[in-house]
């Protein structure tokens, strides 16, 4: 549970008194310190804060939660805000040169070794002036932080999908354990009556043991995925908020995608390209301008490659889901047929159990294929909306 209400106010009051030596005049005073969140209280309405601080996680609020409570992202924005008026950003070209020369002047004259070291540092600093100015640019820094924020939010969405897929995988493994237990018992009975071998029993035992190990692994994956989501959105690892379902993705949504149009959108939205373009504007030397231009062109190609690859992955996931649905339907028909045959005495109990296992497994695999398609769709959308590209601007 996040700090809120009287407890949050008490913490804020103590911090203000500690650092400023004063206390707030009243509970309604503007809070200027914001522990455990990125934004000041005044930057969101009371209703907005209440929604973010409740114990219900919705899909649409994930990015806001990342912005406010993700440890890495929050630290980036708070540091950005704290450095906003300290001369950290938008460095002036002449001022950077002046600072380099001042540092050099203060370092020389102590010893020959010190002079040589200072001269080397001066040359290196002068050679990287453009890079220093580019990386200090407020717009470049902001775009980089936004990219980190969006990347984190999208990763958490995939982890939410993992919560559900790992749970389904555990159910699938449990079905396998039940089936493998029956097969082991069958192998043991055959061995007792002389129609089976010890190797058959050992093989069945190993298959069962592997299924048990897989079950434990999927249960651990489920716990890990859930805890990853919680701690990255501001909850304790053992909290129990209501976690949202994954939004539906339909064939119509996928079929309406126009790849060529989305390639252009991806190029226009890409954080990497925006950073490259801004750095090109800032480049002072011909060499820096040339290398930045090369990076920009390379990253444009990468954006196109990325979005195309994600589109193909989405189509593959859609196709796999469709095939699995057909497989489920076929196995249902097989189960119905086996049921009728069993009732007539022309099918054994073992055949009926196997048909039931195959169908029940197919039902779960269909759900898994659906989640896979949903994950591929949201990844594609995130790439179209800014995450495509992996050039120098993203590093």
Protein backbone atom coordinates (compact mmCIF):
# COMPACT_ATOMS: atom_id res chain seq x y z
CA UNK A 1 0.00 0.00 0.00
CA UNK A 2 1.35 3.41 -0.92
CA UNK A 3 1.68 6.25 1.57
CA UNK A 4 -1.41 8.43 1.57
CA UNK A 5 -3.72 10.43 3.79
CA UNK A 6 -2.54 11.38 7.25
CA UNK A 7 0.55 9.16 7.08
CA UNK A 8 1.76 10.78 3.88
CA UNK A 9 1.11 14.25 5.28
CA UNK A 10 3.06 13.44 8.45
CA UNK A 11 6.06 12.27 6.43
CA UNK A 12 5.95 15.39 4.30
CA UNK A 13 5.70 17.66 7.32
CA UNK A 14 8.70 16.04 8.95
CA UNK A 15 10.76 16.31 5.78
CA UNK A 16 9.94 19.96 5.31
CA UNK A 17 10.85 20.70 8.92
CA UNK A 18 14.08 18.74 8.59
CA UNK A 19 15.32 20.44 5.45
CA UNK A 20 13.81 23.89 5.79
CA UNK A 21 13.49 24.31 9.53
CA UNK A 22 9.83 25.26 9.19
CA UNK A 23 6.47 23.58 9.37
CA UNK A 24 3.49 23.84 7.06
CA UNK A 25 0.97 26.38 8.21
CA UNK A 26 -1.89 23.93 7.69
CA UNK A 27 -2.73 20.58 6.17
CA UNK A 28 -3.83 22.36 2.99
CA UNK A 29 -0.50 24.07 2.36
CA UNK A 30 1.29 23.31 -0.91
CA UNK A 31 3.59 20.34 -0.45
CA UNK A 32 7.03 20.98 -1.94
CA UNK A 33 8.54 17.64 -1.12
CA UNK A 34 7.03 14.51 -2.68
CA UNK A 35 8.41 11.30 -1.15
CA UNK A 36 7.76 8.04 -2.99
CA UNK A 37 6.36 9.74 -6.07
CA UNK A 38 7.72 11.82 -8.91
CA UNK A 39 5.23 14.66 -9.21
CA UNK A 40 4.32 17.30 -6.67
CA UNK A 41 0.89 16.92 -5.13
CA UNK A 42 -0.28 20.04 -6.95
CA UNK A 43 0.50 18.52 -10.35
CA UNK A 44 -2.44 16.09 -10.23
CA UNK A 45 -5.96 16.43 -8.94
CA UNK A 46 -7.08 14.70 -5.77
CA UNK A 47 -9.16 12.35 -7.90
CA UNK A 48 -6.17 11.43 -10.04
CA UNK A 49 -4.01 10.72 -7.01
CA UNK A 50 -6.78 8.63 -5.46
CA UNK A 51 -6.98 6.51 -8.61
CA UNK A 52 -3.22 5.96 -8.72
CA UNK A 53 -3.04 5.18 -5.00
CA UNK A 54 -5.87 2.68 -4.83
CA UNK A 55 -5.33 -1.05 -4.92
CA UNK A 56 -6.71 -1.56 -8.40
CA UNK A 57 -4.31 -1.76 -11.33
CA UNK A 58 -5.86 -0.83 -14.67
CA UNK A 59 -4.20 -1.18 -18.06
CA UNK A 60 -4.60 2.48 -18.98
CA UNK A 61 -2.89 3.81 -15.85
CA UNK A 62 0.29 1.76 -16.19
CA UNK A 63 2.37 4.57 -17.70
CA UNK A 64 1.23 7.05 -15.05
CA UNK A 65 2.13 4.55 -12.34
CA UNK A 66 5.54 4.04 -13.94
CA UNK A 67 6.08 7.80 -14.05
CA UNK A 68 5.21 8.28 -10.40
CA UNK A 69 6.39 5.11 -8.67
CA UNK A 70 8.86 3.12 -10.76
CA UNK A 71 12.18 3.47 -8.90
CA UNK A 72 14.35 3.96 -11.99
CA UNK A 73 12.00 6.23 -13.90
CA UNK A 74 11.08 8.31 -10.86
CA UNK A 75 14.77 8.83 -10.04
CA UNK A 76 15.40 10.05 -13.60
CA UNK A 77 12.62 12.63 -13.49
CA UNK A 78 13.38 13.82 -9.97
CA UNK A 79 17.04 14.25 -10.87
CA UNK A 80 15.99 16.10 -14.02
CA UNK A 81 13.79 18.42 -12.00
CA UNK A 82 16.43 18.99 -9.31
CA UNK A 83 19.02 19.88 -11.96
CA UNK A 84 16.67 22.04 -13.97
CA UNK A 85 17.98 25.35 -12.68
CA UNK A 86 21.56 24.42 -11.92
CA UNK A 87 23.09 24.98 -15.34
CA UNK A 88 23.18 21.26 -16.10
CA UNK A 89 21.17 21.55 -19.30
CA UNK A 90 21.47 23.52 -22.54
CA UNK A 91 25.18 24.21 -22.14
CA UNK A 92 26.60 27.07 -24.21
CA UNK A 93 29.39 26.18 -26.66
CA UNK A 94 31.67 29.04 -25.62
CA UNK A 95 30.96 28.41 -21.96
CA UNK A 96 31.98 24.75 -22.31
CA UNK A 97 35.27 25.76 -23.96
CA UNK A 98 35.88 28.36 -21.27
CA UNK A 99 35.29 25.77 -18.56
CA UNK A 100 37.67 23.30 -20.22
CA UNK A 101 40.40 25.94 -20.44
CA UNK A 102 39.78 27.04 -16.86
CA UNK A 103 40.13 23.46 -15.60
CA UNK A 104 43.31 23.09 -17.63
CA UNK A 105 44.81 26.35 -16.34
CA UNK A 106 44.14 25.33 -12.76
CA UNK A 107 45.73 21.89 -13.28
CA UNK A 108 49.02 22.84 -14.95
CA UNK A 109 52.21 24.06 -13.26
CA UNK A 110 52.27 21.49 -10.47
CA UNK A 111 54.41 18.79 -12.05
CA UNK A 112 55.49 17.51 -15.45
CA UNK A 113 53.32 14.43 -15.05
CA UNK A 114 50.38 16.56 -13.96
CA UNK A 115 50.89 18.89 -16.92
CA UNK A 116 50.88 15.97 -19.35
CA UNK A 117 47.75 14.55 -17.79
CA UNK A 118 46.01 17.93 -17.89
CA UNK A 119 46.95 18.40 -21.54
CA UNK A 120 45.53 14.99 -22.44
CA UNK A 121 42.32 15.71 -20.54
CA UNK A 122 42.04 19.08 -22.31
CA UNK A 123 42.43 17.51 -25.75
CA UNK A 124 39.86 14.83 -25.00
CA UNK A 125 37.37 17.37 -23.65
CA UNK A 126 37.82 19.68 -26.64
CA UNK A 127 37.33 16.75 -29.01
CA UNK A 128 34.03 15.83 -27.37
CA UNK A 129 32.51 19.30 -27.02
CA UNK A 130 29.73 18.54 -29.47
CA UNK A 131 28.83 15.36 -27.61
CA UNK A 132 28.82 17.23 -24.29
CA UNK A 133 26.48 19.89 -25.67
CA UNK A 134 24.23 17.34 -27.35
CA UNK A 135 23.87 15.27 -24.21
CA UNK A 136 23.17 18.36 -22.10
CA UNK A 137 20.37 19.52 -24.35
CA UNK A 138 17.11 19.68 -22.42
CA UNK A 139 15.10 18.23 -25.31
CA UNK A 140 17.51 15.34 -25.79
CA UNK A 141 17.43 14.53 -22.08
CA UNK A 142 13.64 14.76 -21.93
CA UNK A 143 13.20 12.47 -24.95
CA UNK A 144 15.60 9.97 -23.43
CA UNK A 145 13.69 9.91 -20.16
CA UNK A 146 10.38 9.59 -21.98
CA UNK A 147 11.72 6.66 -23.95
CA UNK A 148 12.85 4.95 -20.76
CA UNK A 149 9.44 5.56 -19.22
CA UNK A 150 7.52 4.17 -22.19
CA UNK A 151 9.88 1.20 -22.54
CA UNK A 152 9.38 0.37 -18.86
CA UNK A 153 5.60 0.68 -19.13
CA UNK A 154 5.51 -1.65 -22.13
CA UNK A 155 7.75 -4.16 -20.37
CA UNK A 156 5.37 -4.17 -17.41
CA UNK A 157 2.43 -4.82 -19.74
CA UNK A 158 4.27 -7.89 -21.01
CA UNK A 159 4.88 -8.96 -17.41
CA UNK A 160 1.16 -8.71 -16.71
CA UNK A 161 0.60 -11.04 -19.65
CA UNK A 162 3.27 -13.31 -18.11
CA UNK A 163 1.26 -13.42 -14.87
CA UNK A 164 -1.61 -15.03 -16.73
CA UNK A 165 0.43 -17.24 -19.07
CA UNK A 166 2.52 -18.66 -16.22
CA UNK A 167 -0.69 -19.45 -14.36
CA UNK A 168 -2.03 -21.27 -17.42
CA UNK A 169 1.28 -23.07 -17.89
CA UNK A 170 1.04 -24.29 -14.30
CA UNK A 171 -2.43 -25.68 -15.05
CA UNK A 172 -1.06 -27.34 -18.17
CA UNK A 173 1.75 -28.89 -16.15
CA UNK A 174 -0.73 -30.12 -13.55
CA UNK A 175 -2.72 -31.85 -16.28
CA UNK A 176 0.51 -33.43 -17.51
CA UNK A 177 1.31 -34.67 -14.00
CA UNK A 178 -2.11 -36.31 -13.71
CA UNK A 179 -1.73 -37.94 -17.13
CA UNK A 180 1.85 -39.03 -16.48
CA UNK A 181 0.80 -40.50 -13.12
CA UNK A 182 -1.79 -42.64 -14.90
CA UNK A 183 0.77 -43.73 -17.48
CA UNK A 184 3.25 -44.66 -14.75
CA UNK A 185 0.62 -46.74 -12.99
CA UNK A 186 -0.16 -48.42 -16.29
CA UNK A 187 3.55 -49.19 -16.88
CA UNK A 188 3.86 -50.63 -13.36
CA UNK A 189 0.82 -52.88 -13.88
CA UNK A 190 2.20 -54.13 -17.19
CA UNK A 191 5.52 -54.90 -15.51
CA UNK A 192 3.75 -56.90 -12.80
CA UNK A 193 1.91 -59.07 -15.33
CA UNK A 194 4.96 -59.48 -17.56
CA UNK A 195 3.77 -57.40 -20.52
CA UNK A 196 6.04 -54.46 -19.78
CA UNK A 197 9.67 -53.75 -18.96
CA UNK A 198 11.55 -51.99 -16.20
CA UNK A 199 12.76 -49.52 -18.81
CA UNK A 200 9.13 -48.58 -19.50
CA UNK A 201 8.63 -47.86 -15.80
CA UNK A 202 11.83 -45.85 -15.51
CA UNK A 203 10.89 -43.83 -18.58
CA UNK A 204 7.42 -43.12 -17.15
CA UNK A 205 8.95 -42.12 -13.81
CA UNK A 206 11.31 -39.68 -15.50
CA UNK A 207 8.49 -38.17 -17.55
CA UNK A 208 6.45 -37.64 -14.39
CA UNK A 209 9.41 -36.13 -12.55
CA UNK A 210 10.06 -33.73 -15.45
CA UNK A 211 6.43 -32.64 -15.34
CA UNK A 212 6.69 -31.99 -11.60
CA UNK A 213 9.81 -29.88 -12.14
CA UNK A 214 8.03 -27.93 -14.90
CA UNK A 215 5.13 -27.26 -12.55
CA UNK A 216 7.42 -25.82 -9.90
CA UNK A 217 9.16 -23.70 -12.54
CA UNK A 218 5.88 -22.27 -13.84
CA UNK A 219 4.70 -21.50 -10.31
CA UNK A 220 7.98 -19.67 -9.66
CA UNK A 221 7.57 -17.77 -12.94
CA UNK A 222 4.09 -16.71 -11.86
CA UNK A 223 5.33 -15.36 -8.54
CA UNK A 224 8.26 -13.59 -10.19
CA UNK A 225 6.07 -11.95 -12.85
CA UNK A 226 3.58 -10.71 -10.27
CA UNK A 227 6.25 -9.37 -7.92
CA UNK A 228 8.01 -7.66 -10.84
CA UNK A 229 4.82 -5.83 -11.74
CA UNK A 230 4.11 -4.83 -8.16
CA UNK A 231 7.51 -3.44 -7.17
CA UNK A 232 7.87 -1.59 -10.47
CA UNK A 233 4.57 0.20 -9.93
CA UNK A 234 5.02 1.24 -6.33
CA UNK A 235 3.53 -1.63 -4.35
CA UNK A 236 5.27 -3.94 -1.93
CA UNK A 237 6.25 -7.26 -3.47
CA UNK A 238 3.67 -9.06 -1.29
CA UNK A 239 0.77 -6.66 -1.93
CA UNK A 240 -2.50 -7.98 -3.32
CA UNK A 241 -3.96 -5.33 -5.63
CA UNK A 242 -6.58 -6.21 -8.21
CA UNK A 243 -4.60 -6.71 -11.42
CA UNK A 244 -6.32 -5.88 -14.67
CA UNK A 245 -7.19 -8.30 -17.43
CA UNK A 246 -5.32 -7.96 -20.71
CA UNK A 247 -7.39 -5.96 -23.23
CA UNK A 248 -8.96 -7.99 -26.02
CA UNK A 249 -7.27 -8.14 -29.41
CA UNK A 250 -9.41 -9.20 -32.36
CA UNK A 251 -8.66 -10.35 -35.89
CA UNK A 252 -10.35 -7.18 -37.11
CA UNK A 253 -7.91 -5.01 -35.16
CA UNK A 254 -4.98 -6.84 -36.70
CA UNK A 255 -6.42 -6.98 -40.21
CA UNK A 256 -6.98 -3.22 -40.20
CA UNK A 257 -3.25 -2.57 -39.78
CA UNK A 258 -1.64 -0.85 -42.77
CA UNK A 259 2.06 -1.63 -42.49
CA UNK A 260 3.24 1.04 -44.93
CA UNK A 261 1.28 3.74 -43.12
CA UNK A 262 2.54 2.49 -39.77
CA UNK A 263 6.14 2.56 -40.97
CA UNK A 264 5.75 6.27 -41.61
CA UNK A 265 4.09 6.72 -38.21
CA UNK A 266 6.93 4.81 -36.57
CA UNK A 267 9.50 7.04 -38.28
CA UNK A 268 7.64 10.13 -37.09
CA UNK A 269 7.14 8.85 -33.54
CA UNK A 270 10.48 7.16 -32.89
CA UNK A 271 12.25 8.50 -29.82
CA UNK A 272 15.57 7.39 -31.31
CA UNK A 273 15.03 9.40 -34.48
CA UNK A 274 13.80 12.46 -32.58
CA UNK A 275 16.97 12.37 -30.51
CA UNK A 276 19.11 11.91 -33.62
CA UNK A 277 17.40 14.82 -35.37
CA UNK A 278 17.86 17.07 -32.37
CA UNK A 279 21.54 16.13 -32.06
CA UNK A 280 22.03 16.90 -35.74
CA UNK A 281 20.64 20.40 -35.18
CA UNK A 282 23.06 20.85 -32.28
CA UNK A 283 26.14 19.57 -34.10
CA UNK A 284 28.74 22.33 -34.46
CA UNK A 285 31.63 20.58 -36.18
CA UNK A 286 31.52 19.04 -39.63
CA UNK A 287 32.68 15.70 -38.26
CA UNK A 288 29.96 15.53 -35.63
CA UNK A 289 27.32 16.60 -38.14
CA UNK A 290 28.49 13.90 -40.55
CA UNK A 291 28.52 11.10 -37.96
CA UNK A 292 25.16 12.17 -36.55
CA UNK A 293 23.65 12.25 -40.04
CA UNK A 294 24.95 8.73 -40.67
CA UNK A 295 23.40 7.57 -37.40
CA UNK A 296 20.10 9.19 -38.32
CA UNK A 297 19.94 7.43 -41.69
CA UNK A 298 20.96 4.12 -40.15
CA UNK A 299 18.36 4.46 -37.42
CA UNK A 300 15.62 5.22 -39.98
CA UNK A 301 16.42 1.92 -41.63
CA UNK A 302 16.39 0.24 -38.24
CA UNK A 303 12.97 1.71 -37.42
CA UNK A 304 11.56 0.29 -40.65
CA UNK A 305 13.18 -3.07 -39.97
CA UNK A 306 11.91 -3.14 -36.38
CA UNK A 307 8.28 -2.34 -37.17
CA UNK A 308 8.25 -4.81 -40.07
CA UNK A 309 9.67 -7.56 -37.86
CA UNK A 310 7.08 -6.89 -35.15
CA UNK A 311 4.31 -6.92 -37.76
CA UNK A 312 5.47 -10.30 -39.07
CA UNK A 313 5.67 -11.61 -35.50
CA UNK A 314 2.11 -10.43 -34.92
CA UNK A 315 0.85 -12.18 -38.07
CA UNK A 316 2.62 -15.36 -36.99
CA UNK A 317 1.03 -15.16 -33.54
CA UNK A 318 -2.38 -14.59 -35.12
CA UNK A 319 -1.88 -17.60 -37.39
CA UNK A 320 -0.72 -19.80 -34.51
CA UNK A 321 -3.79 -18.82 -32.50
CA UNK A 322 -6.09 -19.65 -35.42
CA UNK A 323 -4.43 -23.05 -35.94
CA UNK A 324 -4.65 -23.84 -32.24
CA UNK A 325 -8.37 -23.02 -32.24
CA UNK A 326 -8.84 -25.52 -35.07
CA UNK A 327 -6.77 -28.07 -33.18
CA UNK A 328 -8.96 -27.62 -30.12
CA UNK A 329 -12.10 -28.15 -32.19
CA UNK A 330 -10.66 -31.31 -33.74
CA UNK A 331 -9.70 -32.70 -30.34
CA UNK A 332 -13.18 -31.94 -29.03
CA UNK A 333 -14.64 -33.99 -31.86
CA UNK A 334 -12.20 -36.78 -31.05
CA UNK A 335 -13.23 -36.68 -27.39
CA UNK A 336 -16.93 -36.83 -28.32
CA UNK A 337 -16.27 -39.79 -30.61
CA UNK A 338 -14.23 -41.58 -27.94
CA UNK A 339 -16.97 -40.97 -25.39
CA UNK A 340 -19.50 -42.63 -27.68
CA UNK A 341 -17.14 -45.51 -28.38
CA UNK A 342 -16.48 -45.99 -24.68
CA UNK A 343 -20.22 -46.08 -23.98
CA UNK A 344 -20.55 -48.81 -26.61
CA UNK A 345 -17.59 -50.73 -25.24
CA UNK A 346 -15.37 -50.25 -28.28
CA UNK A 347 -12.93 -47.85 -26.56
CA UNK A 348 -10.97 -48.38 -23.36
CA UNK A 349 -10.90 -46.17 -20.29
CA UNK A 350 -7.28 -45.37 -21.09
CA UNK A 351 -8.27 -44.14 -24.55
CA UNK A 352 -11.01 -42.00 -23.04
CA UNK A 353 -8.62 -40.52 -20.46
CA UNK A 354 -6.05 -39.76 -23.16
CA UNK A 355 -8.64 -38.06 -25.36
CA UNK A 356 -9.80 -35.99 -22.38
CA UNK A 357 -6.23 -35.02 -21.53
CA UNK A 358 -5.49 -34.00 -25.11
CA UNK A 359 -8.59 -31.84 -25.31
CA UNK A 360 -8.15 -30.19 -21.92
CA UNK A 361 -4.52 -29.42 -22.78
CA UNK A 362 -5.62 -27.94 -26.10
CA UNK A 363 -8.06 -25.61 -24.34
CA UNK A 364 -5.24 -24.20 -22.23
CA UNK A 365 -2.88 -23.99 -25.20
CA UNK A 366 -5.52 -22.01 -27.07
CA UNK A 367 -5.63 -19.51 -24.22
CA UNK A 368 -1.82 -19.33 -24.24
CA UNK A 369 -1.79 -18.68 -27.99
CA UNK A 370 -4.33 -15.92 -27.48
CA UNK A 371 -2.13 -14.22 -24.88
CA UNK A 372 0.81 -14.60 -27.22
CA UNK A 373 -1.15 -12.79 -29.93
CA UNK A 374 -2.15 -10.05 -27.49
CA UNK A 375 1.45 -9.58 -26.42
CA UNK A 376 2.61 -9.38 -30.03
CA UNK A 377 -0.08 -6.82 -30.83
CA UNK A 378 0.79 -4.49 -27.96
CA UNK A 379 4.48 -4.78 -28.77
CA UNK A 380 3.74 -3.82 -32.37
CA UNK A 381 1.67 -0.81 -31.27
CA UNK A 382 4.44 0.34 -28.91
CA UNK A 383 6.97 0.19 -31.73
CA UNK A 384 4.68 2.12 -34.04
CA UNK A 385 4.14 4.74 -31.33
CA UNK A 386 7.79 5.44 -30.55
CA UNK A 387 9.89 2.46 -29.51
CA UNK A 388 11.08 1.32 -32.94
CA UNK A 389 14.79 1.89 -33.57
CA UNK A 390 17.88 0.94 -31.62
CA UNK A 391 20.47 3.48 -32.79
CA UNK A 392 22.95 5.55 -30.86
CA UNK A 393 20.22 7.85 -29.59
CA UNK A 394 18.70 5.03 -27.56
CA UNK A 395 21.92 4.08 -25.79
